[in-house]
Amino acid sequence: MLSWARLRRTALAGCNLQQAILQGADLRQADLHGSNLSGARLSHAYLQGANLAGANLEYADLRGADLTGAQLKGASLVCARLEGAIIALDQLGSVSSLAGATLPDGSKQSR
């Protein structure tokens, strides 16, 4: 369990963090590209400027997370929960899939 852990600027590229508990963790500017974060609990995590390109975020709980400036190109957010998350629409446009995801405004994505 890594809730509220300070992992700022940490190199975690390609790591298997499936179902990790990272609630409220400080992952600002962390390198998580290509990591498996499926089912991870990242609610209220600080992910500003993090590299999540190509990451598997399927079924991840990102409610209330701050993803300002995070790189999400090619990331999979299938069935992810993003309610209340801070994220720009152009960031969401760069992911590989949002099918079944709940968006920051609470709406369900069908693509």
Protein backbone atom coordinates (compact mmCIF):
# COMPACT_ATOMS: atom_id res chain seq x y z
CA MET A 1 0.00 0.00 0.00
CA LEU A 2 1.49 3.30 -1.12
CA SER A 3 -1.29 5.72 -0.20
CA TRP A 4 0.02 9.27 0.23
CA ALA A 5 3.53 8.12 -0.79
CA ARG A 6 5.97 10.73 -2.12
CA LEU A 7 7.02 9.38 -5.50
CA ARG A 8 7.64 12.66 -7.30
CA ARG A 9 9.91 12.35 -10.38
CA THR A 10 10.26 8.60 -9.79
CA ALA A 11 11.23 6.36 -12.73
CA LEU A 12 8.57 3.64 -12.85
CA ALA A 13 8.37 3.08 -16.61
CA GLY A 14 7.09 -0.36 -17.54
CA CYS A 15 6.34 -1.35 -13.94
CA ASN A 16 3.52 -3.70 -12.98
CA LEU A 17 1.44 -1.67 -10.54
CA GLN A 18 -1.77 -3.58 -11.20
CA GLN A 19 -4.30 -2.93 -8.42
CA ALA A 20 -1.76 -0.84 -6.48
CA ILE A 21 -3.19 1.39 -3.77
CA LEU A 22 -1.82 4.85 -4.53
CA GLN A 23 -4.58 7.06 -3.16
CA GLY A 24 -3.34 10.62 -2.66
CA ALA A 25 0.19 9.67 -3.76
CA ASP A 26 2.48 12.41 -5.09
CA LEU A 27 3.42 11.16 -8.56
CA ARG A 28 4.11 14.57 -10.08
CA GLN A 29 6.46 14.31 -13.05
CA ALA A 30 6.86 10.56 -12.47
CA ASP A 31 7.75 8.43 -15.48
CA LEU A 32 5.07 5.74 -15.68
CA HIS A 33 5.01 5.26 -19.45
CA GLY A 34 4.08 1.75 -20.49
CA SER A 35 3.24 0.77 -16.90
CA ASN A 36 0.39 -1.54 -15.95
CA LEU A 37 -1.85 0.43 -13.60
CA SER A 38 -5.01 -1.55 -14.34
CA GLY A 39 -7.35 -1.52 -11.37
CA ALA A 40 -5.02 0.81 -9.45
CA ARG A 41 -6.54 3.11 -6.83
CA LEU A 42 -5.24 6.57 -7.74
CA SER A 43 -8.05 8.68 -6.32
CA HIS A 44 -6.87 12.16 -5.30
CA ALA A 45 -3.36 11.37 -6.56
CA TYR A 46 -1.14 14.17 -7.79
CA LEU A 47 -0.15 13.24 -11.35
CA GLN A 48 0.69 16.67 -12.75
CA GLY A 49 3.22 16.38 -15.57
CA ALA A 50 3.48 12.59 -15.18
CA ASN A 51 4.35 10.51 -18.24
CA LEU A 52 1.54 7.96 -18.59
CA ALA A 53 1.96 7.46 -22.35
CA GLY A 54 1.00 3.93 -23.34
CA ALA A 55 0.07 3.03 -19.76
CA ASN A 56 -2.70 0.55 -18.99
CA LEU A 57 -5.15 2.44 -16.77
CA GLU A 58 -8.10 0.13 -17.42
CA TYR A 59 -10.51 0.04 -14.46
CA ALA A 60 -8.26 2.50 -12.57
CA ASP A 61 -9.87 4.75 -9.96
CA LEU A 62 -8.73 8.29 -10.79
CA ARG A 63 -11.56 10.11 -9.03
CA GLY A 64 -10.41 13.55 -7.91
CA ALA A 65 -6.88 13.01 -9.29
CA ASP A 66 -4.98 15.97 -10.74
CA LEU A 67 -3.71 15.04 -14.20
CA THR A 68 -2.81 18.58 -15.28
CA GLY A 69 -0.21 18.34 -18.04
CA ALA A 70 0.10 14.56 -17.78
CA GLN A 71 1.06 12.78 -21.00
CA LEU A 72 -1.60 10.21 -21.86
CA LYS A 73 -0.91 9.48 -25.54
CA GLY A 74 -1.86 5.88 -26.28
CA ALA A 75 -2.91 5.13 -22.70
CA SER A 76 -5.93 2.85 -22.24
CA LEU A 77 -8.58 4.18 -19.87
CA VAL A 78 -11.22 1.51 -20.54
CA CYS A 79 -13.78 1.60 -17.70
CA ALA A 80 -11.62 4.03 -15.69
CA ARG A 81 -13.31 6.28 -13.13
CA LEU A 82 -12.45 9.95 -13.64
CA GLU A 83 -15.22 11.68 -11.70
CA GLY A 84 -13.97 15.02 -10.42
CA ALA A 85 -10.51 14.52 -11.95
CA ILE A 86 -8.65 17.56 -13.23
CA ILE A 87 -7.86 16.78 -16.85
CA ALA A 88 -8.11 18.66 -20.15
CA LEU A 89 -10.24 17.47 -23.04
CA ASP A 90 -7.22 17.40 -25.36
CA GLN A 91 -5.53 14.97 -22.98
CA LEU A 92 -8.54 12.65 -23.18
CA GLY A 93 -8.44 12.92 -26.96
CA SER A 94 -4.94 11.41 -27.05
CA VAL A 95 -5.76 8.15 -25.23
CA SER A 96 -6.22 4.88 -27.12
CA SER A 97 -9.60 4.08 -25.54
CA LEU A 98 -12.11 5.52 -23.08
CA ALA A 99 -14.76 2.82 -23.65
CA GLY A 100 -16.93 2.49 -20.55
CA ALA A 101 -15.02 5.18 -18.65
CA THR A 102 -16.81 7.61 -16.37
CA LEU A 103 -15.65 11.13 -17.28
CA PRO A 104 -14.92 14.00 -14.86
CA ASP A 105 -18.46 15.37 -15.28
CA GLY A 106 -19.94 11.98 -14.36
CA SER A 107 -21.01 11.05 -17.90
CA LYS A 108 -20.25 7.59 -19.31
CA GLN A 109 -18.09 7.28 -22.41
CA SER A 110 -19.15 4.81 -25.08
CA ARG A 111 -16.17 4.92 -27.49
